[in-house]
Amino acid sequence: MLSVLSSGAYYVVLRNKNGSLKGWALIGENIDYMTEKRAGFIYELYLLPEFRGAGLGKN
């Protein structure tokens, strides 16, 4: 993941009001090798098990 981060990707984190972690996404760019165009890409998407099924991804 270090090479992805060094090329401009970044983490977006989801936290509770008290600051505890709920989950995260690693977002960056990748090249579509068929069209050679840059496109947004989700490298990681994770939600801690205790927060799954709560509808956090709906909005």
N, C-alpha and C. Protein backbone atom coordinates (compact mmCIF):
# COMPACT_ATOMS: atom_id res chain seq x y z
N MET A 1 0.80 -1.19 0.00
CA MET A 1 0.00 0.00 0.00
C MET A 1 0.85 1.27 0.00
N LEU A 2 2.10 1.18 0.41
CA LEU A 2 2.94 2.38 0.45
C LEU A 2 3.09 3.00 -0.93
N SER A 3 3.21 2.18 -1.98
CA SER A 3 3.34 2.75 -3.32
C SER A 3 2.05 3.46 -3.75
N VAL A 4 0.91 2.94 -3.35
CA VAL A 4 -0.36 3.58 -3.66
C VAL A 4 -0.46 4.91 -2.93
N LEU A 5 -0.09 4.93 -1.66
CA LEU A 5 -0.15 6.16 -0.88
C LEU A 5 0.84 7.20 -1.40
N SER A 6 2.02 6.76 -1.82
CA SER A 6 3.01 7.70 -2.33
C SER A 6 2.62 8.27 -3.69
N SER A 7 1.68 7.62 -4.37
CA SER A 7 1.23 8.13 -5.67
C SER A 7 -0.02 9.01 -5.55
N GLY A 8 -0.42 9.36 -4.32
CA GLY A 8 -1.52 10.30 -4.14
C GLY A 8 -2.80 9.74 -3.56
N ALA A 9 -2.86 8.44 -3.32
CA ALA A 9 -4.06 7.87 -2.71
C ALA A 9 -4.14 8.33 -1.25
N TYR A 10 -5.33 8.26 -0.68
CA TYR A 10 -5.50 8.70 0.70
C TYR A 10 -6.61 7.91 1.38
N TYR A 11 -6.56 7.89 2.70
CA TYR A 11 -7.58 7.23 3.50
C TYR A 11 -8.65 8.22 3.91
N VAL A 12 -9.90 7.77 3.87
CA VAL A 12 -11.04 8.47 4.43
C VAL A 12 -11.54 7.59 5.56
N VAL A 13 -11.67 8.17 6.76
CA VAL A 13 -12.08 7.36 7.91
C VAL A 13 -13.44 7.80 8.42
N LEU A 14 -14.16 6.85 9.00
CA LEU A 14 -15.46 7.10 9.61
C LEU A 14 -15.31 6.83 11.10
N ARG A 15 -15.68 7.83 11.90
CA ARG A 15 -15.54 7.72 13.35
C ARG A 15 -16.87 8.03 14.05
N ASN A 16 -16.99 7.50 15.27
CA ASN A 16 -18.11 7.84 16.14
C ASN A 16 -17.92 9.26 16.66
N LYS A 17 -18.94 9.79 17.31
CA LYS A 17 -18.83 11.11 17.93
C LYS A 17 -17.73 11.15 18.99
N ASN A 18 -17.47 10.01 19.64
CA ASN A 18 -16.43 9.96 20.66
C ASN A 18 -15.03 9.72 20.06
N GLY A 19 -14.95 9.61 18.74
CA GLY A 19 -13.65 9.47 18.07
C GLY A 19 -13.22 8.06 17.77
N SER A 20 -13.97 7.05 18.22
CA SER A 20 -13.57 5.67 17.94
C SER A 20 -13.86 5.33 16.47
N LEU A 21 -13.03 4.48 15.93
CA LEU A 21 -13.07 4.13 14.51
C LEU A 21 -14.24 3.21 14.17
N LYS A 22 -14.95 3.52 13.08
CA LYS A 22 -16.01 2.65 12.55
C LYS A 22 -15.54 1.93 11.29
N GLY A 23 -14.75 2.61 10.45
CA GLY A 23 -14.29 2.00 9.21
C GLY A 23 -13.46 2.98 8.41
N TRP A 24 -13.05 2.55 7.19
CA TRP A 24 -12.22 3.40 6.34
C TRP A 24 -12.31 2.97 4.89
N ALA A 25 -11.85 3.86 4.02
CA ALA A 25 -11.71 3.58 2.59
C ALA A 25 -10.37 4.16 2.14
N LEU A 26 -9.68 3.43 1.28
CA LEU A 26 -8.46 3.92 0.65
C LEU A 26 -8.82 4.26 -0.79
N ILE A 27 -8.70 5.52 -1.15
CA ILE A 27 -9.18 6.03 -2.44
C ILE A 27 -8.01 6.63 -3.21
N GLY A 28 -7.99 6.37 -4.50
CA GLY A 28 -6.94 6.94 -5.34
C GLY A 28 -7.33 6.87 -6.80
N GLU A 29 -6.31 6.96 -7.65
CA GLU A 29 -6.51 6.86 -9.10
C GLU A 29 -5.82 5.61 -9.62
N ASN A 30 -6.33 5.14 -10.71
CA ASN A 30 -5.73 4.01 -11.41
C ASN A 30 -5.91 4.28 -12.90
N ILE A 31 -5.17 3.59 -13.72
CA ILE A 31 -5.28 3.75 -15.18
C ILE A 31 -6.04 2.57 -15.75
N ASP A 32 -7.06 2.86 -16.53
CA ASP A 32 -7.79 1.83 -17.25
C ASP A 32 -6.92 1.44 -18.45
N TYR A 33 -6.40 0.24 -18.43
CA TYR A 33 -5.45 -0.18 -19.46
C TYR A 33 -6.10 -0.40 -20.83
N MET A 34 -7.41 -0.49 -20.87
CA MET A 34 -8.10 -0.61 -22.16
C MET A 34 -8.20 0.75 -22.85
N THR A 35 -8.53 1.80 -22.08
CA THR A 35 -8.72 3.12 -22.65
C THR A 35 -7.55 4.07 -22.36
N GLU A 36 -6.68 3.67 -21.45
CA GLU A 36 -5.53 4.47 -21.00
C GLU A 36 -5.96 5.77 -20.34
N LYS A 37 -7.19 5.81 -19.79
CA LYS A 37 -7.68 6.97 -19.08
C LYS A 37 -7.56 6.74 -17.58
N ARG A 38 -7.38 7.84 -16.85
CA ARG A 38 -7.35 7.76 -15.40
C ARG A 38 -8.78 7.64 -14.87
N ALA A 39 -8.91 6.88 -13.81
CA ALA A 39 -10.22 6.69 -13.20
C ALA A 39 -10.05 6.60 -11.69
N GLY A 40 -11.06 7.05 -10.96
CA GLY A 40 -11.06 6.88 -9.52
C GLY A 40 -11.13 5.41 -9.18
N PHE A 41 -10.49 5.03 -8.06
CA PHE A 41 -10.43 3.62 -7.70
C PHE A 41 -10.48 3.48 -6.19
N ILE A 42 -11.25 2.53 -5.70
CA ILE A 42 -11.31 2.22 -4.28
C ILE A 42 -10.41 1.00 -4.05
N TYR A 43 -9.30 1.21 -3.35
CA TYR A 43 -8.35 0.14 -3.08
C TYR A 43 -8.76 -0.69 -1.87
N GLU A 44 -9.30 -0.05 -0.86
CA GLU A 44 -9.77 -0.73 0.35
C GLU A 44 -11.10 -0.11 0.77
N LEU A 45 -11.97 -0.94 1.29
CA LEU A 45 -13.23 -0.47 1.88
C LEU A 45 -13.53 -1.41 3.03
N TYR A 46 -13.58 -0.87 4.24
CA TYR A 46 -13.74 -1.73 5.41
C TYR A 46 -14.62 -1.06 6.45
N LEU A 47 -15.53 -1.82 7.02
CA LEU A 47 -16.36 -1.39 8.13
C LEU A 47 -16.22 -2.43 9.23
N LEU A 48 -15.94 -1.98 10.44
CA LEU A 48 -15.78 -2.91 11.55
C LEU A 48 -17.07 -3.72 11.72
N PRO A 49 -16.94 -5.01 12.08
CA PRO A 49 -18.12 -5.90 12.13
C PRO A 49 -19.28 -5.38 12.97
N GLU A 50 -19.01 -4.71 14.08
CA GLU A 50 -20.10 -4.26 14.94
C GLU A 50 -20.93 -3.13 14.34
N PHE A 51 -20.46 -2.52 13.23
CA PHE A 51 -21.20 -1.44 12.58
C PHE A 51 -21.84 -1.87 11.26
N ARG A 52 -21.63 -3.09 10.86
CA ARG A 52 -22.22 -3.59 9.61
C ARG A 52 -23.72 -3.79 9.78
N GLY A 53 -24.47 -3.57 8.69
CA GLY A 53 -25.91 -3.75 8.72
C GLY A 53 -26.67 -2.58 9.30
N ALA A 54 -25.97 -1.48 9.61
CA ALA A 54 -26.61 -0.31 10.22
C ALA A 54 -27.01 0.73 9.19
N GLY A 55 -26.83 0.45 7.89
CA GLY A 55 -27.22 1.38 6.86
C GLY A 55 -26.23 2.52 6.63
N LEU A 56 -25.01 2.39 7.10
CA LEU A 56 -24.02 3.47 6.95
C LEU A 56 -23.64 3.73 5.51
N GLY A 57 -23.77 2.78 4.63
CA GLY A 57 -23.41 2.97 3.24
C GLY A 57 -24.56 3.44 2.35
N LYS A 58 -25.69 3.70 2.91
CA LYS A 58 -26.86 4.08 2.10
C LYS A 58 -26.86 5.53 1.67
N ASN A 59 -26.29 6.41 2.45
CA ASN A 59 -26.36 7.84 2.13
C ASN A 59 -25.13 8.33 1.50
